[in-house]
Amino acid sequence: MLIRGDIFLREFFEYVISQVIGALAGTASLGANGFGSLSASNISLVGALIVEVILTFVFIYAILGVISLK
């Protein structure tokens, strides 16, 4: 969006910060009962962060695909 000129630099940074906060909240919710052997899914902190990064990428990729001009 920034490259296409749809948003300004300040809006871009606000968007990135919001995404990072959302990813951290998602990671915390994946490990709400603990990480490793304490979690229901047996996921580590690093594993939860990797899942959040991948899912955030897929989410943003889908949004950009929907809003982009063909």
C-alpha atoms as a PDB file:
ATOM      1  CA  MET A   1       0.000   0.000   0.000  1.00  0.00           C
ATOM      2  CA  LEU A   2       2.864   2.327   0.776  1.00  0.00           C
ATOM      3  CA  ILE A   3       4.625   1.473  -2.475  1.00  0.00           C
ATOM      4  CA  ARG A   4       1.466   2.143  -4.491  1.00  0.00           C
ATOM      5  CA  GLY A   5       1.000   5.482  -2.724  1.00  0.00           C
ATOM      6  CA  ASP A   6      -2.312   4.534  -1.109  1.00  0.00           C
ATOM      7  CA  ILE A   7      -1.130   5.513   2.376  1.00  0.00           C
ATOM      8  CA  PHE A   8       1.389   7.903   3.865  1.00  0.00           C
ATOM      9  CA  LEU A   9       4.543   6.832   5.721  1.00  0.00           C
ATOM     10  CA  ARG A  10       3.032   7.647   9.130  1.00  0.00           C
ATOM     11  CA  GLU A  11      -0.042   5.503   8.406  1.00  0.00           C
ATOM     12  CA  PHE A  12       2.236   2.691   7.254  1.00  0.00           C
ATOM     13  CA  PHE A  13       4.123   2.670  10.555  1.00  0.00           C
ATOM     14  CA  GLU A  14       0.872   2.795  12.527  1.00  0.00           C
ATOM     15  CA  TYR A  15      -0.320  -0.202  10.514  1.00  0.00           C
ATOM     16  CA  VAL A  16       2.914  -2.150  11.078  1.00  0.00           C
ATOM     17  CA  ILE A  17       2.864  -1.443  14.825  1.00  0.00           C
ATOM     18  CA  SER A  18      -0.764  -2.570  15.011  1.00  0.00           C
ATOM     19  CA  GLN A  19       0.087  -5.804  13.198  1.00  0.00           C
ATOM     20  CA  VAL A  20       2.990  -6.506  15.561  1.00  0.00           C
ATOM     21  CA  ILE A  21       0.799  -5.894  18.608  1.00  0.00           C
ATOM     22  CA  GLY A  22      -1.833  -8.207  17.124  1.00  0.00           C
ATOM     23  CA  ALA A  23       0.772 -10.908  16.468  1.00  0.00           C
ATOM     24  CA  LEU A  24       2.030 -10.677  20.046  1.00  0.00           C
ATOM     25  CA  ALA A  25      -1.529 -10.913  21.359  1.00  0.00           C
ATOM     26  CA  GLY A  26      -2.139 -13.941  19.140  1.00  0.00           C
ATOM     27  CA  THR A  27       1.049 -15.567  20.390  1.00  0.00           C
ATOM     28  CA  ALA A  28      -0.014 -14.935  23.963  1.00  0.00           C
ATOM     29  CA  SER A  29      -3.422 -16.484  23.306  1.00  0.00           C
ATOM     30  CA  LEU A  30      -1.840 -19.580  21.738  1.00  0.00           C
ATOM     31  CA  GLY A  31       0.143 -20.051  24.904  1.00  0.00           C
ATOM     32  CA  ALA A  32      -2.479 -18.801  27.364  1.00  0.00           C
ATOM     33  CA  ASN A  33      -2.102 -21.920  29.473  1.00  0.00           C
ATOM     34  CA  GLY A  34       1.661 -22.009  29.071  1.00  0.00           C
ATOM     35  CA  PHE A  35       4.131 -23.169  26.469  1.00  0.00           C
ATOM     36  CA  GLY A  36       5.699 -26.526  25.760  1.00  0.00           C
ATOM     37  CA  SER A  37       4.380 -29.333  27.908  1.00  0.00           C
ATOM     38  CA  LEU A  38       2.018 -26.946  29.720  1.00  0.00           C
ATOM     39  CA  SER A  39       0.035 -26.069  26.585  1.00  0.00           C
ATOM     40  CA  ALA A  40      -2.796 -28.101  25.098  1.00  0.00           C
ATOM     41  CA  SER A  41      -1.157 -28.012  21.666  1.00  0.00           C
ATOM     42  CA  ASN A  42       2.380 -28.611  23.038  1.00  0.00           C
ATOM     43  CA  ILE A  43       3.637 -25.507  21.198  1.00  0.00           C
ATOM     44  CA  SER A  44       6.756 -23.605  22.177  1.00  0.00           C
ATOM     45  CA  LEU A  45       7.047 -19.827  22.298  1.00  0.00           C
ATOM     46  CA  VAL A  46       9.122 -19.850  19.106  1.00  0.00           C
ATOM     47  CA  GLY A  47       6.573 -22.130  17.439  1.00  0.00           C
ATOM     48  CA  ALA A  48       3.748 -19.778  18.392  1.00  0.00           C
ATOM     49  CA  LEU A  49       5.660 -16.811  16.974  1.00  0.00           C
ATOM     50  CA  ILE A  50       6.320 -18.684  13.710  1.00  0.00           C
ATOM     51  CA  VAL A  51       2.632 -19.598  13.404  1.00  0.00           C
ATOM     52  CA  GLU A  52       1.641 -15.969  13.970  1.00  0.00           C
ATOM     53  CA  VAL A  53       4.100 -14.675  11.374  1.00  0.00           C
ATOM     54  CA  ILE A  54       2.876 -17.175   8.763  1.00  0.00           C
ATOM     55  CA  LEU A  55      -0.817 -16.568   9.451  1.00  0.00           C
ATOM     56  CA  THR A  56      -0.339 -12.791   9.437  1.00  0.00           C
ATOM     57  CA  PHE A  57       1.432 -13.053   6.071  1.00  0.00           C
ATOM     58  CA  VAL A  58      -1.412 -15.134   4.620  1.00  0.00           C
ATOM     59  CA  PHE A  59      -3.993 -12.705   6.008  1.00  0.00           C
ATOM     60  CA  ILE A  60      -2.283  -9.613   4.590  1.00  0.00           C
ATOM     61  CA  TYR A  61      -1.602 -11.364   1.271  1.00  0.00           C
ATOM     62  CA  ALA A  62      -5.316 -12.182   0.965  1.00  0.00           C
ATOM     63  CA  ILE A  63      -6.329  -8.612   1.789  1.00  0.00           C
ATOM     64  CA  LEU A  64      -3.897  -7.144  -0.731  1.00  0.00           C
ATOM     65  CA  GLY A  65      -5.157  -9.614  -3.331  1.00  0.00           C
ATOM     66  CA  VAL A  66      -8.739  -8.503  -2.781  1.00  0.00           C
ATOM     67  CA  ILE A  67      -8.095  -4.752  -2.826  1.00  0.00           C
ATOM     68  CA  SER A  68      -5.506  -4.621  -5.606  1.00  0.00           C
ATOM     69  CA  LEU A  69      -6.463  -3.302  -9.009  1.00  0.00           C
ATOM     70  CA  LYS A  70      -6.127  -5.816 -11.803  1.00  0.00           C
END
